[in-house]
Amino acid sequence: MIGLDQWLLFLAVAVLIAVTPGPGIFYVAARTLAAGRGEGIASSVGTGIGGLVHVAAGAVGVSALVLASAEAFTLLKLAGAAYLLWLAWRTMREAGREAGATLPLAEAVPRLGTRRAFREGVVVEALNPKTAAFFLAFLPQFVDPALAMPVAAQFVLLGLVSVLLNTGVDVVVAFAASRAREGFLTRPMLIRRLRQASGALLCALGAALAFARRPA
């Protein structure tokens, strides 16, 4: 097994990375502000599953192959960017519908549902090549080929811990964003602005992913 010192160092760095605001945190916050706690938590779990896709791919070398190929990296990042931009457009469209609705805000636009939010979270994270780059740059530093445990198994174990930490932080963000949203439910115009801001944030994430560079 990995030594205690290595474990403690890994956990310290992994926790620091997990609490550092990044695309995952901003995505979950945007989904929560747009649709509430349930969909925010579902999105958090979805992004966690999407992260596990990269862990599994990294363990078998697929991620390394993608990052080594400029064409594959570009195709993956453009697909992820397009998906985020589509989500941004849909969120902004729903905010526009609410502006002309006569029903109470909570009933003006039907929720997407936790299942759909979960699926979207999986797709968003699985199509993010920067996540693959992170795992391939970070986890191997704590893999020891001299141990009895196979290198792939060590990679998966470290990846699972990292994903769990990231998901835990995302869930906390979902609860915090939900509390903020609940305080605005009696102010329809403000919650519409929050939806529009969420759409703008998703659009910014999509643009950032579209212009992401392949790691050297």
N, C-alpha and C. Protein backbone atom coordinates (compact mmCIF):
# COMPACT_ATOMS: atom_id res chain seq x y z
N MET A 1 0.84 -1.21 0.00
CA MET A 1 0.00 0.00 0.00
C MET A 1 0.88 1.26 0.00
N ILE A 2 0.23 2.38 -0.38
CA ILE A 2 0.93 3.65 -0.37
C ILE A 2 1.25 4.04 1.07
N GLY A 3 2.45 4.59 1.29
CA GLY A 3 2.88 4.96 2.63
C GLY A 3 2.01 6.04 3.23
N LEU A 4 2.00 6.09 4.56
CA LEU A 4 1.18 7.07 5.27
C LEU A 4 1.57 8.50 4.91
N ASP A 5 2.87 8.76 4.83
CA ASP A 5 3.32 10.11 4.48
C ASP A 5 2.81 10.53 3.11
N GLN A 6 2.87 9.60 2.15
CA GLN A 6 2.38 9.89 0.81
C GLN A 6 0.87 10.13 0.81
N TRP A 7 0.15 9.31 1.62
CA TRP A 7 -1.29 9.48 1.70
C TRP A 7 -1.65 10.86 2.26
N LEU A 8 -0.98 11.25 3.33
CA LEU A 8 -1.28 12.54 3.95
C LEU A 8 -0.97 13.69 3.00
N LEU A 9 0.14 13.58 2.28
CA LEU A 9 0.49 14.62 1.32
C LEU A 9 -0.53 14.68 0.20
N PHE A 10 -0.91 13.50 -0.29
CA PHE A 10 -1.90 13.43 -1.37
C PHE A 10 -3.23 14.04 -0.92
N LEU A 11 -3.70 13.68 0.28
CA LEU A 11 -4.98 14.19 0.77
C LEU A 11 -4.93 15.71 0.95
N ALA A 12 -3.81 16.21 1.45
CA ALA A 12 -3.69 17.65 1.65
C ALA A 12 -3.79 18.40 0.32
N VAL A 13 -3.08 17.90 -0.67
CA VAL A 13 -3.11 18.55 -1.98
C VAL A 13 -4.47 18.37 -2.64
N ALA A 14 -5.06 17.17 -2.53
CA ALA A 14 -6.35 16.89 -3.15
C ALA A 14 -7.45 17.76 -2.55
N VAL A 15 -7.42 17.95 -1.23
CA VAL A 15 -8.42 18.80 -0.58
C VAL A 15 -8.25 20.25 -1.04
N LEU A 16 -7.01 20.70 -1.13
CA LEU A 16 -6.75 22.07 -1.58
C LEU A 16 -7.28 22.28 -2.99
N ILE A 17 -7.04 21.30 -3.86
CA ILE A 17 -7.52 21.40 -5.24
C ILE A 17 -9.05 21.36 -5.28
N ALA A 18 -9.65 20.51 -4.43
CA ALA A 18 -11.11 20.35 -4.43
C ALA A 18 -11.81 21.64 -4.04
N VAL A 19 -11.26 22.40 -3.09
CA VAL A 19 -11.93 23.61 -2.61
C VAL A 19 -11.57 24.83 -3.45
N THR A 20 -10.62 24.68 -4.38
CA THR A 20 -10.26 25.80 -5.24
C THR A 20 -11.33 25.96 -6.32
N PRO A 21 -11.95 27.14 -6.44
CA PRO A 21 -13.00 27.32 -7.44
C PRO A 21 -12.51 26.99 -8.84
N GLY A 22 -13.29 26.18 -9.53
CA GLY A 22 -12.94 25.77 -10.89
C GLY A 22 -14.21 25.53 -11.69
N PRO A 23 -14.08 25.01 -12.91
CA PRO A 23 -15.25 24.79 -13.77
C PRO A 23 -16.34 23.94 -13.12
N GLY A 24 -15.96 22.88 -12.39
CA GLY A 24 -16.95 22.01 -11.76
C GLY A 24 -17.79 22.76 -10.74
N ILE A 25 -17.13 23.53 -9.88
CA ILE A 25 -17.85 24.29 -8.85
C ILE A 25 -18.76 25.33 -9.50
N PHE A 26 -18.24 26.04 -10.50
CA PHE A 26 -19.05 27.07 -11.15
C PHE A 26 -20.24 26.45 -11.88
N TYR A 27 -20.04 25.28 -12.49
CA TYR A 27 -21.14 24.63 -13.20
C TYR A 27 -22.25 24.24 -12.22
N VAL A 28 -21.88 23.62 -11.10
CA VAL A 28 -22.87 23.20 -10.11
C VAL A 28 -23.59 24.42 -9.53
N ALA A 29 -22.85 25.48 -9.26
CA ALA A 29 -23.48 26.70 -8.74
C ALA A 29 -24.48 27.26 -9.74
N ALA A 30 -24.10 27.25 -11.02
CA ALA A 30 -25.00 27.77 -12.05
C ALA A 30 -26.26 26.94 -12.15
N ARG A 31 -26.13 25.62 -12.12
CA ARG A 31 -27.30 24.75 -12.22
C ARG A 31 -28.21 24.92 -11.00
N THR A 32 -27.61 25.08 -9.81
CA THR A 32 -28.41 25.24 -8.60
C THR A 32 -29.16 26.56 -8.60
N LEU A 33 -28.49 27.64 -8.98
CA LEU A 33 -29.15 28.93 -9.03
C LEU A 33 -30.27 28.95 -10.06
N ALA A 34 -30.10 28.16 -11.12
CA ALA A 34 -31.11 28.15 -12.17
C ALA A 34 -32.31 27.29 -11.81
N ALA A 35 -32.09 26.17 -11.08
CA ALA A 35 -33.19 25.22 -10.89
C ALA A 35 -33.36 24.70 -9.46
N GLY A 36 -32.49 25.04 -8.55
CA GLY A 36 -32.69 24.61 -7.18
C GLY A 36 -31.74 23.52 -6.71
N ARG A 37 -31.86 23.20 -5.40
CA ARG A 37 -30.93 22.28 -4.75
C ARG A 37 -30.92 20.88 -5.36
N GLY A 38 -32.12 20.34 -5.64
CA GLY A 38 -32.19 18.97 -6.15
C GLY A 38 -31.37 18.78 -7.41
N GLU A 39 -31.55 19.69 -8.36
CA GLU A 39 -30.81 19.58 -9.61
C GLU A 39 -29.34 19.91 -9.41
N GLY A 40 -29.05 20.78 -8.44
CA GLY A 40 -27.65 21.08 -8.16
C GLY A 40 -26.91 19.87 -7.63
N ILE A 41 -27.54 19.15 -6.69
CA ILE A 41 -26.91 17.96 -6.13
C ILE A 41 -26.80 16.87 -7.20
N ALA A 42 -27.85 16.72 -8.02
CA ALA A 42 -27.81 15.74 -9.10
C ALA A 42 -26.68 16.06 -10.07
N SER A 43 -26.48 17.34 -10.35
CA SER A 43 -25.38 17.76 -11.21
C SER A 43 -24.03 17.43 -10.58
N SER A 44 -23.95 17.60 -9.24
CA SER A 44 -22.71 17.30 -8.53
C SER A 44 -22.35 15.82 -8.67
N VAL A 45 -23.36 14.96 -8.47
CA VAL A 45 -23.12 13.52 -8.60
C VAL A 45 -22.77 13.19 -10.05
N GLY A 46 -23.42 13.86 -10.99
CA GLY A 46 -23.13 13.62 -12.40
C GLY A 46 -21.70 13.98 -12.76
N THR A 47 -21.23 15.15 -12.30
CA THR A 47 -19.86 15.53 -12.59
C THR A 47 -18.87 14.56 -11.93
N GLY A 48 -19.27 14.01 -10.77
CA GLY A 48 -18.42 13.01 -10.13
C GLY A 48 -18.29 11.76 -10.98
N ILE A 49 -19.40 11.30 -11.55
CA ILE A 49 -19.36 10.14 -12.44
C ILE A 49 -18.54 10.46 -13.68
N GLY A 50 -18.71 11.68 -14.19
CA GLY A 50 -17.91 12.09 -15.33
C GLY A 50 -16.42 12.09 -15.02
N GLY A 51 -16.08 12.47 -13.78
CA GLY A 51 -14.69 12.41 -13.36
C GLY A 51 -14.17 10.99 -13.30
N LEU A 52 -15.03 10.07 -12.87
CA LEU A 52 -14.64 8.66 -12.82
C LEU A 52 -14.36 8.11 -14.22
N VAL A 53 -15.06 8.66 -15.22
CA VAL A 53 -14.78 8.26 -16.60
C VAL A 53 -13.33 8.57 -16.95
N HIS A 54 -12.86 9.74 -16.54
CA HIS A 54 -11.47 10.11 -16.82
C HIS A 54 -10.49 9.27 -16.00
N VAL A 55 -10.88 8.93 -14.79
CA VAL A 55 -10.01 8.08 -13.97
C VAL A 55 -9.84 6.72 -14.63
N ALA A 56 -10.96 6.13 -15.05
CA ALA A 56 -10.90 4.82 -15.71
C ALA A 56 -10.11 4.90 -17.01
N ALA A 57 -10.36 5.98 -17.78
CA ALA A 57 -9.64 6.13 -19.05
C ALA A 57 -8.15 6.32 -18.82
N GLY A 58 -7.81 7.09 -17.78
CA GLY A 58 -6.40 7.30 -17.47
C GLY A 58 -5.72 6.02 -17.04
N ALA A 59 -6.45 5.18 -16.31
CA ALA A 59 -5.86 3.93 -15.82
C ALA A 59 -5.50 2.99 -16.96
N VAL A 60 -6.26 3.06 -18.05
CA VAL A 60 -5.97 2.17 -19.19
C VAL A 60 -5.22 2.90 -20.30
N GLY A 61 -4.89 4.16 -20.07
CA GLY A 61 -4.08 4.89 -21.03
C GLY A 61 -4.83 5.64 -22.10
N VAL A 62 -6.15 5.61 -22.09
CA VAL A 62 -6.92 6.27 -23.13
C VAL A 62 -6.74 7.79 -23.07
N SER A 63 -6.80 8.34 -21.86
CA SER A 63 -6.65 9.79 -21.72
C SER A 63 -5.31 10.25 -22.24
N ALA A 64 -4.27 9.48 -21.96
CA ALA A 64 -2.94 9.84 -22.44
C ALA A 64 -2.91 9.89 -23.96
N LEU A 65 -3.60 8.95 -24.60
CA LEU A 65 -3.66 8.93 -26.06
C LEU A 65 -4.39 10.16 -26.60
N VAL A 66 -5.50 10.54 -25.91
CA VAL A 66 -6.26 11.71 -26.33
C VAL A 66 -5.41 12.96 -26.22
N LEU A 67 -4.70 13.11 -25.10
CA LEU A 67 -3.89 14.29 -24.88
C LEU A 67 -2.69 14.32 -25.83
N ALA A 68 -2.23 13.16 -26.27
CA ALA A 68 -1.10 13.10 -27.19
C ALA A 68 -1.50 13.47 -28.61
N SER A 69 -2.78 13.39 -28.91
CA SER A 69 -3.28 13.68 -30.25
C SER A 69 -3.95 15.04 -30.27
N ALA A 70 -3.42 15.97 -31.05
CA ALA A 70 -4.00 17.30 -31.13
C ALA A 70 -5.41 17.24 -31.70
N GLU A 71 -5.64 16.36 -32.67
CA GLU A 71 -6.96 16.26 -33.29
C GLU A 71 -8.00 15.73 -32.31
N ALA A 72 -7.63 14.68 -31.56
CA ALA A 72 -8.57 14.10 -30.60
C ALA A 72 -8.87 15.08 -29.48
N PHE A 73 -7.85 15.79 -29.00
CA PHE A 73 -8.05 16.78 -27.94
C PHE A 73 -8.99 17.88 -28.41
N THR A 74 -8.76 18.38 -29.63
CA THR A 74 -9.59 19.46 -30.16
C THR A 74 -11.04 19.00 -30.34
N LEU A 75 -11.23 17.80 -30.85
CA LEU A 75 -12.58 17.28 -31.05
C LEU A 75 -13.32 17.16 -29.73
N LEU A 76 -12.64 16.65 -28.71
CA LEU A 76 -13.28 16.46 -27.40
C LEU A 76 -13.62 17.80 -26.77
N LYS A 77 -12.70 18.75 -26.81
CA LYS A 77 -12.96 20.03 -26.16
C LYS A 77 -14.06 20.81 -26.88
N LEU A 78 -14.12 20.72 -28.22
CA LEU A 78 -15.17 21.41 -28.95
C LEU A 78 -16.54 20.80 -28.68
N ALA A 79 -16.58 19.48 -28.54
CA ALA A 79 -17.84 18.83 -28.19
C ALA A 79 -18.31 19.28 -26.82
N GLY A 80 -17.39 19.34 -25.86
CA GLY A 80 -17.75 19.79 -24.52
C GLY A 80 -18.16 21.25 -24.50
N ALA A 81 -17.45 22.09 -25.26
CA ALA A 81 -17.80 23.51 -25.32
C ALA A 81 -19.17 23.71 -25.94
N ALA A 82 -19.46 22.97 -27.01
CA ALA A 82 -20.76 23.08 -27.68
C ALA A 82 -21.89 22.68 -26.74
N TYR A 83 -21.66 21.65 -25.95
CA TYR A 83 -22.69 21.19 -25.02
C TYR A 83 -22.95 22.24 -23.94
N LEU A 84 -21.90 22.84 -23.41
CA LEU A 84 -22.06 23.89 -22.40
C LEU A 84 -22.78 25.10 -22.99
N LEU A 85 -22.45 25.47 -24.21
CA LEU A 85 -23.11 26.61 -24.85
C LEU A 85 -24.58 26.32 -25.10
N TRP A 86 -24.90 25.06 -25.42
CA TRP A 86 -26.31 24.69 -25.60
C TRP A 86 -27.06 24.80 -24.27
N LEU A 87 -26.43 24.34 -23.18
CA LEU A 87 -27.06 24.47 -21.87
C LEU A 87 -27.25 25.94 -21.51
N ALA A 88 -26.27 26.78 -21.85
CA ALA A 88 -26.38 28.21 -21.56
C ALA A 88 -27.55 28.82 -22.32
N TRP A 89 -27.68 28.46 -23.61
CA TRP A 89 -28.78 28.99 -24.42
C TRP A 89 -30.13 28.56 -23.85
N ARG A 90 -30.23 27.30 -23.42
CA ARG A 90 -31.50 26.82 -22.89
C ARG A 90 -31.84 27.52 -21.57
N THR A 91 -30.83 27.75 -20.72
CA THR A 91 -31.07 28.43 -19.46
C THR A 91 -31.53 29.87 -19.70
N MET A 92 -30.89 30.55 -20.64
CA MET A 92 -31.29 31.93 -20.97
C MET A 92 -32.68 31.96 -21.57
N ARG A 93 -33.01 30.97 -22.39
CA ARG A 93 -34.34 30.90 -23.00
C ARG A 93 -35.41 30.74 -21.93
N GLU A 94 -35.14 29.88 -20.94
CA GLU A 94 -36.11 29.68 -19.85
C GLU A 94 -36.30 30.95 -19.05
N ALA A 95 -35.20 31.69 -18.84
CA ALA A 95 -35.32 32.96 -18.12
C ALA A 95 -36.18 33.93 -18.91
N GLY A 96 -36.06 33.91 -20.25
CA GLY A 96 -36.89 34.77 -21.08
C GLY A 96 -38.35 34.38 -21.02
N ARG A 97 -38.63 33.08 -20.97
CA ARG A 97 -40.01 32.62 -20.84
C ARG A 97 -40.62 33.09 -19.53
N GLU A 98 -39.82 33.05 -18.47
CA GLU A 98 -40.32 33.48 -17.16
C GLU A 98 -40.70 34.95 -17.17
N ALA A 99 -39.95 35.73 -17.95
CA ALA A 99 -40.20 37.17 -17.96
C ALA A 99 -41.61 37.49 -18.45
N GLY A 100 -42.15 36.63 -19.35
CA GLY A 100 -43.49 36.88 -19.86
C GLY A 100 -44.55 35.99 -19.25
N ALA A 101 -44.20 35.24 -18.23
CA ALA A 101 -45.15 34.30 -17.63
C ALA A 101 -46.04 35.00 -16.62
N THR A 102 -47.26 34.52 -16.49
CA THR A 102 -48.17 35.08 -15.49
C THR A 102 -48.28 34.17 -14.28
N LEU A 103 -47.73 32.94 -14.37
CA LEU A 103 -47.74 32.03 -13.23
C LEU A 103 -46.69 32.43 -12.23
N PRO A 104 -46.77 31.93 -10.99
CA PRO A 104 -45.71 32.16 -10.03
C PRO A 104 -44.39 31.64 -10.58
N LEU A 105 -43.29 32.23 -10.15
CA LEU A 105 -41.98 31.88 -10.68
C LEU A 105 -41.71 30.39 -10.62
N ALA A 106 -42.04 29.75 -9.52
CA ALA A 106 -41.73 28.33 -9.35
C ALA A 106 -42.48 27.46 -10.35
N GLU A 107 -43.59 27.99 -10.94
CA GLU A 107 -44.38 27.20 -11.86
C GLU A 107 -44.24 27.66 -13.30
N ALA A 108 -43.56 28.78 -13.53
CA ALA A 108 -43.50 29.35 -14.87
C ALA A 108 -42.80 28.44 -15.85
N VAL A 109 -41.69 27.83 -15.43
CA VAL A 109 -40.93 26.93 -16.29
C VAL A 109 -40.72 25.62 -15.56
N PRO A 110 -41.13 24.49 -16.13
CA PRO A 110 -40.95 23.21 -15.43
C PRO A 110 -39.49 22.89 -15.23
N ARG A 111 -39.19 22.26 -14.11
CA ARG A 111 -37.82 21.84 -13.84
C ARG A 111 -37.42 20.72 -14.80
N LEU A 112 -36.14 20.63 -15.01
CA LEU A 112 -35.63 19.58 -15.89
C LEU A 112 -35.71 18.22 -15.21
N GLY A 113 -35.64 18.21 -13.89
CA GLY A 113 -35.65 16.95 -13.16
C GLY A 113 -34.24 16.52 -12.81
N THR A 114 -34.12 15.80 -11.70
CA THR A 114 -32.79 15.41 -11.23
C THR A 114 -32.11 14.42 -12.17
N ARG A 115 -32.88 13.55 -12.82
CA ARG A 115 -32.26 12.58 -13.73
C ARG A 115 -31.57 13.28 -14.89
N ARG A 116 -32.26 14.25 -15.45
CA ARG A 116 -31.66 14.96 -16.58
C ARG A 116 -30.47 15.79 -16.12
N ALA A 117 -30.59 16.43 -14.95
CA ALA A 117 -29.48 17.20 -14.42
C ALA A 117 -28.27 16.30 -14.17
N PHE A 118 -28.54 15.08 -13.69
CA PHE A 118 -27.47 14.11 -13.46
C PHE A 118 -26.78 13.76 -14.78
N ARG A 119 -27.58 13.46 -15.80
CA ARG A 119 -27.02 13.09 -17.10
C ARG A 119 -26.19 14.24 -17.69
N GLU A 120 -26.70 15.46 -17.55
CA GLU A 120 -25.96 16.59 -18.08
C GLU A 120 -24.63 16.77 -17.35
N GLY A 121 -24.63 16.56 -16.04
CA GLY A 121 -23.39 16.66 -15.29
C GLY A 121 -22.36 15.65 -15.76
N VAL A 122 -22.80 14.42 -16.02
CA VAL A 122 -21.90 13.38 -16.52
C VAL A 122 -21.28 13.80 -17.84
N VAL A 123 -22.14 14.27 -18.76
CA VAL A 123 -21.66 14.63 -20.09
C VAL A 123 -20.70 15.81 -20.03
N VAL A 124 -21.05 16.84 -19.25
CA VAL A 124 -20.19 18.02 -19.15
C VAL A 124 -18.79 17.65 -18.68
N GLU A 125 -18.71 16.83 -17.64
CA GLU A 125 -17.40 16.47 -17.09
C GLU A 125 -16.66 15.48 -17.98
N ALA A 126 -17.39 14.53 -18.54
CA ALA A 126 -16.74 13.52 -19.38
C ALA A 126 -16.18 14.12 -20.66
N LEU A 127 -16.76 15.23 -21.13
CA LEU A 127 -16.28 15.88 -22.35
C LEU A 127 -15.27 16.98 -22.08
N ASN A 128 -14.79 17.05 -20.86
CA ASN A 128 -13.82 18.09 -20.50
C ASN A 128 -12.40 17.50 -20.51
N PRO A 129 -11.60 17.78 -21.55
CA PRO A 129 -10.25 17.22 -21.61
C PRO A 129 -9.32 17.79 -20.54
N LYS A 130 -9.69 18.94 -19.98
CA LYS A 130 -8.85 19.51 -18.91
C LYS A 130 -8.88 18.62 -17.67
N THR A 131 -10.01 17.93 -17.46
CA THR A 131 -10.08 17.00 -16.33
C THR A 131 -9.12 15.84 -16.55
N ALA A 132 -9.08 15.34 -17.78
CA ALA A 132 -8.14 14.26 -18.10
C ALA A 132 -6.71 14.73 -17.88
N ALA A 133 -6.42 15.95 -18.30
CA ALA A 133 -5.08 16.49 -18.13
C ALA A 133 -4.71 16.60 -16.66
N PHE A 134 -5.70 17.01 -15.84
CA PHE A 134 -5.44 17.15 -14.41
C PHE A 134 -5.08 15.81 -13.78
N PHE A 135 -5.89 14.79 -14.06
CA PHE A 135 -5.62 13.48 -13.46
C PHE A 135 -4.28 12.91 -13.91
N LEU A 136 -3.97 13.09 -15.18
CA LEU A 136 -2.72 12.53 -15.69
C LEU A 136 -1.50 13.30 -15.20
N ALA A 137 -1.69 14.56 -14.81
CA ALA A 137 -0.57 15.34 -14.30
C ALA A 137 -0.41 15.20 -12.79
N PHE A 138 -1.53 15.01 -12.10
CA PHE A 138 -1.52 15.02 -10.63
C PHE A 138 -1.33 13.64 -10.02
N LEU A 139 -2.16 12.69 -10.43
CA LEU A 139 -2.15 11.38 -9.78
C LEU A 139 -0.84 10.61 -9.93
N PRO A 140 -0.20 10.62 -11.11
CA PRO A 140 1.04 9.83 -11.23
C PRO A 140 2.15 10.23 -10.26
N GLN A 141 2.07 11.45 -9.73
CA GLN A 141 3.09 11.89 -8.78
C GLN A 141 3.04 11.08 -7.48
N PHE A 142 1.91 10.43 -7.23
CA PHE A 142 1.73 9.67 -5.99
C PHE A 142 1.65 8.17 -6.26
N VAL A 143 1.96 7.78 -7.48
CA VAL A 143 1.98 6.35 -7.83
C VAL A 143 3.40 5.82 -7.68
N ASP A 144 3.54 4.71 -7.00
CA ASP A 144 4.85 4.11 -6.76
C ASP A 144 4.92 2.74 -7.45
N PRO A 145 5.67 2.63 -8.54
CA PRO A 145 5.77 1.36 -9.27
C PRO A 145 6.38 0.24 -8.43
N ALA A 146 7.10 0.60 -7.34
CA ALA A 146 7.76 -0.41 -6.53
C ALA A 146 6.80 -1.14 -5.59
N LEU A 147 5.60 -0.63 -5.44
CA LEU A 147 4.64 -1.26 -4.54
C LEU A 147 4.08 -2.53 -5.15
N ALA A 148 3.54 -3.41 -4.29
CA ALA A 148 2.95 -4.65 -4.77
C ALA A 148 1.67 -4.37 -5.54
N MET A 149 0.97 -3.31 -5.18
CA MET A 149 -0.26 -2.95 -5.88
C MET A 149 0.06 -2.48 -7.30
N PRO A 150 -0.64 -2.99 -8.31
CA PRO A 150 -0.40 -2.57 -9.70
C PRO A 150 -0.56 -1.05 -9.86
N VAL A 151 0.19 -0.49 -10.78
CA VAL A 151 0.15 0.95 -11.02
C VAL A 151 -1.27 1.41 -11.38
N ALA A 152 -1.95 0.65 -12.23
CA ALA A 152 -3.31 1.02 -12.63
C ALA A 152 -4.24 1.06 -11.43
N ALA A 153 -4.08 0.09 -10.51
CA ALA A 153 -4.93 0.04 -9.33
C ALA A 153 -4.65 1.24 -8.42
N GLN A 154 -3.37 1.61 -8.29
CA GLN A 154 -3.03 2.80 -7.50
C GLN A 154 -3.67 4.04 -8.11
N PHE A 155 -3.59 4.14 -9.43
CA PHE A 155 -4.16 5.29 -10.14
C PHE A 155 -5.67 5.39 -9.87
N VAL A 156 -6.35 4.26 -9.97
CA VAL A 156 -7.80 4.25 -9.75
C VAL A 156 -8.13 4.61 -8.31
N LEU A 157 -7.39 4.07 -7.35
CA LEU A 157 -7.64 4.36 -5.94
C LEU A 157 -7.48 5.85 -5.65
N LEU A 158 -6.39 6.42 -6.12
CA LEU A 158 -6.17 7.85 -5.91
C LEU A 158 -7.23 8.68 -6.63
N GLY A 159 -7.61 8.23 -7.81
CA GLY A 159 -8.64 8.94 -8.56
C GLY A 159 -9.98 8.92 -7.86
N LEU A 160 -10.35 7.78 -7.28
CA LEU A 160 -11.60 7.67 -6.54
C LEU A 160 -11.64 8.65 -5.37
N VAL A 161 -10.54 8.71 -4.63
CA VAL A 161 -10.48 9.62 -3.49
C VAL A 161 -10.60 11.06 -3.96
N SER A 162 -9.91 11.41 -5.04
CA SER A 162 -9.95 12.77 -5.56
C SER A 162 -11.35 13.14 -6.03
N VAL A 163 -12.02 12.21 -6.73
CA VAL A 163 -13.37 12.47 -7.22
C VAL A 163 -14.35 12.63 -6.06
N LEU A 164 -14.21 11.80 -5.03
CA LEU A 164 -15.09 11.91 -3.87
C LEU A 164 -14.93 13.25 -3.18
N LEU A 165 -13.71 13.72 -3.06
CA LEU A 165 -13.47 15.03 -2.44
C LEU A 165 -14.08 16.14 -3.29
N ASN A 166 -13.87 16.07 -4.59
CA ASN A 166 -14.42 17.09 -5.48
C ASN A 166 -15.95 17.11 -5.43
N THR A 167 -16.54 15.90 -5.43
CA THR A 167 -17.99 15.81 -5.39
C THR A 167 -18.55 16.34 -4.07
N GLY A 168 -17.86 16.02 -2.98
CA GLY A 168 -18.29 16.52 -1.68
C GLY A 168 -18.32 18.04 -1.64
N VAL A 169 -17.29 18.66 -2.19
CA VAL A 169 -17.25 20.13 -2.24
C VAL A 169 -18.36 20.66 -3.13
N ASP A 170 -18.60 19.99 -4.26
CA ASP A 170 -19.68 20.43 -5.16
C ASP A 170 -21.03 20.38 -4.47
N VAL A 171 -21.26 19.34 -3.66
CA VAL A 171 -22.53 19.22 -2.93
C VAL A 171 -22.68 20.38 -1.94
N VAL A 172 -21.59 20.71 -1.25
CA VAL A 172 -21.63 21.85 -0.33
C VAL A 172 -21.97 23.13 -1.08
N VAL A 173 -21.38 23.31 -2.25
CA VAL A 173 -21.66 24.48 -3.07
C VAL A 173 -23.14 24.50 -3.48
N ALA A 174 -23.68 23.32 -3.83
CA ALA A 174 -25.09 23.25 -4.20
C ALA A 174 -25.99 23.69 -3.06
N PHE A 175 -25.68 23.26 -1.84
CA PHE A 175 -26.48 23.66 -0.68
C PHE A 175 -26.37 25.17 -0.45
N ALA A 176 -25.14 25.70 -0.58
CA ALA A 176 -24.95 27.13 -0.35
C ALA A 176 -25.68 27.96 -1.41
N ALA A 177 -25.57 27.54 -2.67
CA ALA A 177 -26.25 28.27 -3.74
C ALA A 177 -27.76 28.16 -3.59
N SER A 178 -28.24 27.01 -3.09
CA SER A 178 -29.66 26.82 -2.88
C SER A 178 -30.19 27.76 -1.80
N ARG A 179 -29.41 27.92 -0.74
CA ARG A 179 -29.82 28.83 0.33
C ARG A 179 -29.95 30.25 -0.20
N ALA A 180 -28.99 30.64 -1.04
CA ALA A 180 -29.04 31.98 -1.62
C ALA A 180 -30.25 32.12 -2.53
N ARG A 181 -30.53 31.08 -3.30
CA ARG A 181 -31.67 31.12 -4.23
C ARG A 181 -32.99 31.20 -3.48
N GLU A 182 -33.13 30.44 -2.40
CA GLU A 182 -34.38 30.43 -1.64
C GLU A 182 -34.69 31.81 -1.07
N GLY A 183 -33.63 32.56 -0.77
CA GLY A 183 -33.85 33.89 -0.24
C GLY A 183 -34.39 34.86 -1.27
N PHE A 184 -34.28 34.48 -2.55
CA PHE A 184 -34.72 35.36 -3.62
C PHE A 184 -36.04 34.93 -4.25
N LEU A 185 -36.62 33.81 -3.80
CA LEU A 185 -37.82 33.27 -4.45
C LEU A 185 -39.00 34.22 -4.40
N THR A 186 -39.03 35.10 -3.40
CA THR A 186 -40.14 36.06 -3.31
C THR A 186 -39.88 37.29 -4.18
N ARG A 187 -38.78 37.29 -4.88
CA ARG A 187 -38.44 38.43 -5.74
C ARG A 187 -38.23 37.91 -7.16
N PRO A 188 -39.31 37.73 -7.92
CA PRO A 188 -39.26 37.12 -9.25
C PRO A 188 -38.23 37.73 -10.18
N MET A 189 -38.13 39.07 -10.21
CA MET A 189 -37.20 39.71 -11.13
C MET A 189 -35.76 39.32 -10.81
N LEU A 190 -35.45 39.24 -9.52
CA LEU A 190 -34.08 38.90 -9.13
C LEU A 190 -33.74 37.46 -9.47
N ILE A 191 -34.68 36.54 -9.28
CA ILE A 191 -34.40 35.14 -9.60
C ILE A 191 -34.25 34.97 -11.11
N ARG A 192 -34.99 35.79 -11.89
CA ARG A 192 -34.78 35.74 -13.35
C ARG A 192 -33.37 36.19 -13.69
N ARG A 193 -32.92 37.23 -12.98
CA ARG A 193 -31.56 37.70 -13.23
C ARG A 193 -30.54 36.62 -12.86
N LEU A 194 -30.86 35.87 -11.81
CA LEU A 194 -29.96 34.79 -11.42
C LEU A 194 -29.91 33.72 -12.51
N ARG A 195 -31.06 33.40 -13.09
CA ARG A 195 -31.08 32.44 -14.19
C ARG A 195 -30.26 32.95 -15.37
N GLN A 196 -30.43 34.24 -15.68
CA GLN A 196 -29.67 34.81 -16.78
C GLN A 196 -28.17 34.79 -16.48
N ALA A 197 -27.82 35.09 -15.22
CA ALA A 197 -26.41 35.04 -14.83
C ALA A 197 -25.87 33.62 -14.92
N SER A 198 -26.72 32.64 -14.56
CA SER A 198 -26.31 31.25 -14.66
C SER A 198 -26.04 30.88 -16.11
N GLY A 199 -26.91 31.33 -17.02
CA GLY A 199 -26.70 31.08 -18.44
C GLY A 199 -25.42 31.73 -18.93
N ALA A 200 -25.16 32.96 -18.48
CA ALA A 200 -23.94 33.64 -18.89
C ALA A 200 -22.70 32.91 -18.37
N LEU A 201 -22.80 32.37 -17.14
CA LEU A 201 -21.67 31.63 -16.57
C LEU A 201 -21.40 30.36 -17.35
N LEU A 202 -22.46 29.63 -17.72
CA LEU A 202 -22.30 28.43 -18.53
C LEU A 202 -21.69 28.77 -19.88
N CYS A 203 -22.11 29.91 -20.45
CA CYS A 203 -21.56 30.35 -21.72
C CYS A 203 -20.06 30.64 -21.58
N ALA A 204 -19.68 31.30 -20.48
CA ALA A 204 -18.27 31.60 -20.26
C ALA A 204 -17.45 30.32 -20.09
N LEU A 205 -18.01 29.32 -19.39
CA LEU A 205 -17.32 28.05 -19.22
C LEU A 205 -17.13 27.36 -20.57
N GLY A 206 -18.17 27.42 -21.41
CA GLY A 206 -18.06 26.83 -22.74
C GLY A 206 -16.99 27.51 -23.57
N ALA A 207 -16.96 28.84 -23.52
CA ALA A 207 -15.95 29.59 -24.28
C ALA A 207 -14.54 29.28 -23.77
N ALA A 208 -14.40 29.19 -22.44
CA ALA A 208 -13.10 28.88 -21.88
C ALA A 208 -12.62 27.50 -22.32
N LEU A 209 -13.53 26.55 -22.36
CA LEU A 209 -13.16 25.20 -22.79
C LEU A 209 -12.81 25.19 -24.27
N ALA A 210 -13.54 25.96 -25.07
CA ALA A 210 -13.28 26.00 -26.52
C ALA A 210 -11.88 26.51 -26.83
N PHE A 211 -11.38 27.41 -25.99
CA PHE A 211 -10.05 28.00 -26.23
C PHE A 211 -8.96 27.34 -25.39
N ALA A 212 -9.31 26.26 -24.69
CA ALA A 212 -8.30 25.56 -23.88
C ALA A 212 -7.22 24.99 -24.77
N ARG A 213 -5.99 25.04 -24.30
CA ARG A 213 -4.86 24.53 -25.07
C ARG A 213 -4.48 23.14 -24.59
N ARG A 214 -4.01 22.34 -25.52
CA ARG A 214 -3.57 20.98 -25.17
C ARG A 214 -2.30 21.08 -24.35
N PRO A 215 -2.26 20.39 -23.19
CA PRO A 215 -1.05 20.41 -22.36
C PRO A 215 0.15 19.91 -23.15
N ALA A 216 1.29 20.50 -22.86
CA ALA A 216 2.51 20.11 -23.57
C ALA A 216 2.95 18.73 -23.14
